[in-house]
Amino acid sequence: MNPTPQKDLARKQPPKWLLNTLTALVGVLTLALGIGWIVYKWVVDLEIPYFAIPLVMCVPVIVAVAFRNMWD
């Protein structure tokens, strides 16, 4: 019995155009959720959480990179 080579067990990577599109969509969706949370807090608490503004700008990039690295 021959052991299966590691190449056969590896996940098949989707096409680059699909991966790029999905990565951009994940980043934009995360940004929209963050902006929505800031607007919600502003309306409900009548105060903008200033500490969260840099996080809302940085977290979508981190999420998109993490999503992209799932396929590498």
N, C-alpha and C. Protein backbone atom coordinates (compact mmCIF):
# COMPACT_ATOMS: atom_id res chain seq x y z
N MET A 1 0.84 -1.16 0.00
CA MET A 1 0.00 0.00 0.00
C MET A 1 0.89 1.25 0.00
N ASN A 2 0.68 2.12 -0.96
CA ASN A 2 1.48 3.35 -1.07
C ASN A 2 0.80 4.47 -0.29
N PRO A 3 1.55 5.20 0.50
CA PRO A 3 0.96 6.35 1.19
C PRO A 3 0.62 7.45 0.18
N THR A 4 -0.42 8.19 0.47
CA THR A 4 -0.85 9.27 -0.42
C THR A 4 0.10 10.46 -0.26
N PRO A 5 0.59 11.01 -1.37
CA PRO A 5 1.47 12.18 -1.27
C PRO A 5 0.73 13.39 -0.69
N GLN A 6 1.49 14.28 -0.08
CA GLN A 6 0.90 15.46 0.53
C GLN A 6 0.22 16.37 -0.49
N LYS A 7 0.68 16.38 -1.73
CA LYS A 7 0.07 17.23 -2.75
C LYS A 7 -1.40 16.89 -2.94
N ASP A 8 -1.72 15.62 -2.89
CA ASP A 8 -3.10 15.21 -3.11
C ASP A 8 -4.01 15.60 -1.95
N LEU A 9 -3.44 15.73 -0.76
CA LEU A 9 -4.24 16.08 0.41
C LEU A 9 -4.43 17.59 0.57
N ALA A 10 -3.66 18.38 -0.14
CA ALA A 10 -3.75 19.83 -0.02
C ALA A 10 -5.06 20.34 -0.61
N ARG A 11 -5.55 21.44 -0.04
CA ARG A 11 -6.75 22.06 -0.56
C ARG A 11 -6.50 22.67 -1.93
N LYS A 12 -7.47 22.60 -2.78
CA LYS A 12 -7.36 23.25 -4.08
C LYS A 12 -7.64 24.73 -3.91
N GLN A 13 -6.77 25.56 -4.43
CA GLN A 13 -6.93 27.00 -4.30
C GLN A 13 -7.88 27.52 -5.38
N PRO A 14 -8.82 28.40 -4.99
CA PRO A 14 -9.71 28.96 -6.01
C PRO A 14 -8.94 29.88 -6.96
N PRO A 15 -9.54 30.25 -8.08
CA PRO A 15 -8.85 31.16 -9.01
C PRO A 15 -8.50 32.48 -8.34
N LYS A 16 -7.43 33.10 -8.82
CA LYS A 16 -6.95 34.35 -8.21
C LYS A 16 -8.01 35.44 -8.24
N TRP A 17 -8.74 35.57 -9.34
CA TRP A 17 -9.74 36.63 -9.44
C TRP A 17 -10.84 36.44 -8.39
N LEU A 18 -11.24 35.19 -8.15
CA LEU A 18 -12.26 34.92 -7.15
C LEU A 18 -11.73 35.19 -5.75
N LEU A 19 -10.50 34.79 -5.50
CA LEU A 19 -9.88 35.02 -4.20
C LEU A 19 -9.73 36.52 -3.91
N ASN A 20 -9.31 37.28 -4.91
CA ASN A 20 -9.19 38.73 -4.75
C ASN A 20 -10.55 39.38 -4.50
N THR A 21 -11.57 38.95 -5.24
CA THR A 21 -12.91 39.51 -5.07
C THR A 21 -13.46 39.20 -3.68
N LEU A 22 -13.34 37.95 -3.26
CA LEU A 22 -13.84 37.57 -1.94
C LEU A 22 -13.09 38.29 -0.82
N THR A 23 -11.78 38.46 -0.98
CA THR A 23 -10.99 39.17 0.02
C THR A 23 -11.45 40.62 0.14
N ALA A 24 -11.69 41.27 -0.99
CA ALA A 24 -12.17 42.65 -0.97
C ALA A 24 -13.56 42.73 -0.34
N LEU A 25 -14.43 41.79 -0.66
CA LEU A 25 -15.77 41.80 -0.08
C LEU A 25 -15.75 41.58 1.43
N VAL A 26 -14.89 40.69 1.89
CA VAL A 26 -14.77 40.45 3.33
C VAL A 26 -14.28 41.72 4.03
N GLY A 27 -13.30 42.40 3.44
CA GLY A 27 -12.79 43.64 4.02
C GLY A 27 -13.84 44.74 4.05
N VAL A 28 -14.58 44.91 2.96
CA VAL A 28 -15.60 45.95 2.90
C VAL A 28 -16.75 45.63 3.86
N LEU A 29 -17.13 44.36 3.95
CA LEU A 29 -18.19 43.98 4.87
C LEU A 29 -17.78 44.25 6.32
N THR A 30 -16.55 43.93 6.67
CA THR A 30 -16.06 44.19 8.02
C THR A 30 -16.01 45.69 8.30
N LEU A 31 -15.58 46.46 7.32
CA LEU A 31 -15.57 47.93 7.48
C LEU A 31 -16.98 48.46 7.67
N ALA A 32 -17.94 47.96 6.89
CA ALA A 32 -19.33 48.41 7.02
C ALA A 32 -19.89 48.06 8.40
N LEU A 33 -19.56 46.87 8.90
CA LEU A 33 -20.02 46.50 10.25
C LEU A 33 -19.42 47.43 11.31
N GLY A 34 -18.15 47.74 11.17
CA GLY A 34 -17.50 48.65 12.13
C GLY A 34 -18.08 50.05 12.09
N ILE A 35 -18.30 50.56 10.89
CA ILE A 35 -18.90 51.90 10.77
C ILE A 35 -20.32 51.89 11.32
N GLY A 36 -21.06 50.82 11.03
CA GLY A 36 -22.41 50.71 11.57
C GLY A 36 -22.42 50.70 13.08
N TRP A 37 -21.44 50.00 13.68
CA TRP A 37 -21.36 49.98 15.14
C TRP A 37 -21.06 51.37 15.70
N ILE A 38 -20.15 52.09 15.05
CA ILE A 38 -19.82 53.44 15.53
C ILE A 38 -21.04 54.35 15.42
N VAL A 39 -21.77 54.29 14.30
CA VAL A 39 -22.97 55.13 14.14
C VAL A 39 -24.02 54.74 15.17
N TYR A 40 -24.19 53.45 15.41
CA TYR A 40 -25.15 52.99 16.42
C TYR A 40 -24.79 53.54 17.80
N LYS A 41 -23.51 53.42 18.18
CA LYS A 41 -23.09 53.94 19.49
C LYS A 41 -23.28 55.45 19.57
N TRP A 42 -23.07 56.13 18.45
CA TRP A 42 -23.23 57.58 18.43
C TRP A 42 -24.69 57.96 18.65
N VAL A 43 -25.60 57.23 18.01
CA VAL A 43 -27.03 57.53 18.13
C VAL A 43 -27.55 57.13 19.51
N VAL A 44 -27.15 55.97 19.99
CA VAL A 44 -27.68 55.46 21.26
C VAL A 44 -27.07 56.19 22.45
N ASP A 45 -25.75 56.31 22.47
CA ASP A 45 -25.08 56.91 23.62
C ASP A 45 -24.84 58.41 23.48
N LEU A 46 -25.12 58.96 22.30
CA LEU A 46 -24.90 60.38 22.00
C LEU A 46 -23.44 60.78 22.20
N GLU A 47 -22.54 59.83 21.97
CA GLU A 47 -21.12 60.11 22.07
C GLU A 47 -20.38 59.15 21.13
N ILE A 48 -19.41 59.68 20.40
CA ILE A 48 -18.63 58.85 19.49
C ILE A 48 -17.50 58.20 20.27
N PRO A 49 -17.36 56.87 20.18
CA PRO A 49 -16.23 56.22 20.85
C PRO A 49 -14.94 56.46 20.05
N TYR A 50 -14.23 57.52 20.38
CA TYR A 50 -13.06 57.92 19.59
C TYR A 50 -11.96 56.86 19.58
N PHE A 51 -11.87 56.07 20.63
CA PHE A 51 -10.84 55.02 20.67
C PHE A 51 -11.10 53.98 19.59
N ALA A 52 -12.35 53.84 19.14
CA ALA A 52 -12.71 52.79 18.19
C ALA A 52 -12.46 53.17 16.74
N ILE A 53 -12.30 54.44 16.45
CA ILE A 53 -12.14 54.86 15.06
C ILE A 53 -10.88 54.25 14.43
N PRO A 54 -9.71 54.27 15.08
CA PRO A 54 -8.56 53.60 14.46
C PRO A 54 -8.76 52.09 14.33
N LEU A 55 -9.46 51.49 15.30
CA LEU A 55 -9.71 50.05 15.22
C LEU A 55 -10.61 49.71 14.04
N VAL A 56 -11.62 50.52 13.81
CA VAL A 56 -12.54 50.27 12.70
C VAL A 56 -11.81 50.37 11.37
N MET A 57 -10.77 51.18 11.30
CA MET A 57 -10.01 51.30 10.06
C MET A 57 -8.99 50.17 9.90
N CYS A 58 -8.49 49.62 10.98
CA CYS A 58 -7.43 48.59 10.91
C CYS A 58 -7.96 47.17 10.89
N VAL A 59 -9.03 46.90 11.59
CA VAL A 59 -9.54 45.54 11.71
C VAL A 59 -9.96 44.95 10.36
N PRO A 60 -10.61 45.70 9.45
CA PRO A 60 -10.95 45.09 8.16
C PRO A 60 -9.73 44.60 7.38
N VAL A 61 -8.62 45.29 7.49
CA VAL A 61 -7.41 44.84 6.81
C VAL A 61 -6.92 43.54 7.42
N ILE A 62 -6.94 43.45 8.74
CA ILE A 62 -6.50 42.23 9.42
C ILE A 62 -7.41 41.06 9.06
N VAL A 63 -8.71 41.29 9.04
CA VAL A 63 -9.66 40.23 8.70
C VAL A 63 -9.46 39.78 7.26
N ALA A 64 -9.29 40.73 6.34
CA ALA A 64 -9.10 40.37 4.93
C ALA A 64 -7.81 39.57 4.72
N VAL A 65 -6.75 39.96 5.41
CA VAL A 65 -5.48 39.23 5.29
C VAL A 65 -5.62 37.83 5.88
N ALA A 66 -6.31 37.72 7.01
CA ALA A 66 -6.52 36.40 7.61
C ALA A 66 -7.36 35.51 6.69
N PHE A 67 -8.38 36.08 6.06
CA PHE A 67 -9.18 35.32 5.10
C PHE A 67 -8.33 34.87 3.92
N ARG A 68 -7.52 35.77 3.42
CA ARG A 68 -6.68 35.44 2.27
C ARG A 68 -5.66 34.34 2.62
N ASN A 69 -5.13 34.39 3.83
CA ASN A 69 -4.12 33.41 4.23
C ASN A 69 -4.71 32.02 4.48
N MET A 70 -6.02 31.91 4.59
CA MET A 70 -6.62 30.59 4.72
C MET A 70 -6.37 29.76 3.46
N TRP A 71 -6.17 30.42 2.34
CA TRP A 71 -6.03 29.72 1.06
C TRP A 71 -4.58 29.54 0.65
N ASP A 72 -3.65 30.14 1.36
CA ASP A 72 -2.22 30.03 0.98
C ASP A 72 -1.56 28.86 1.67
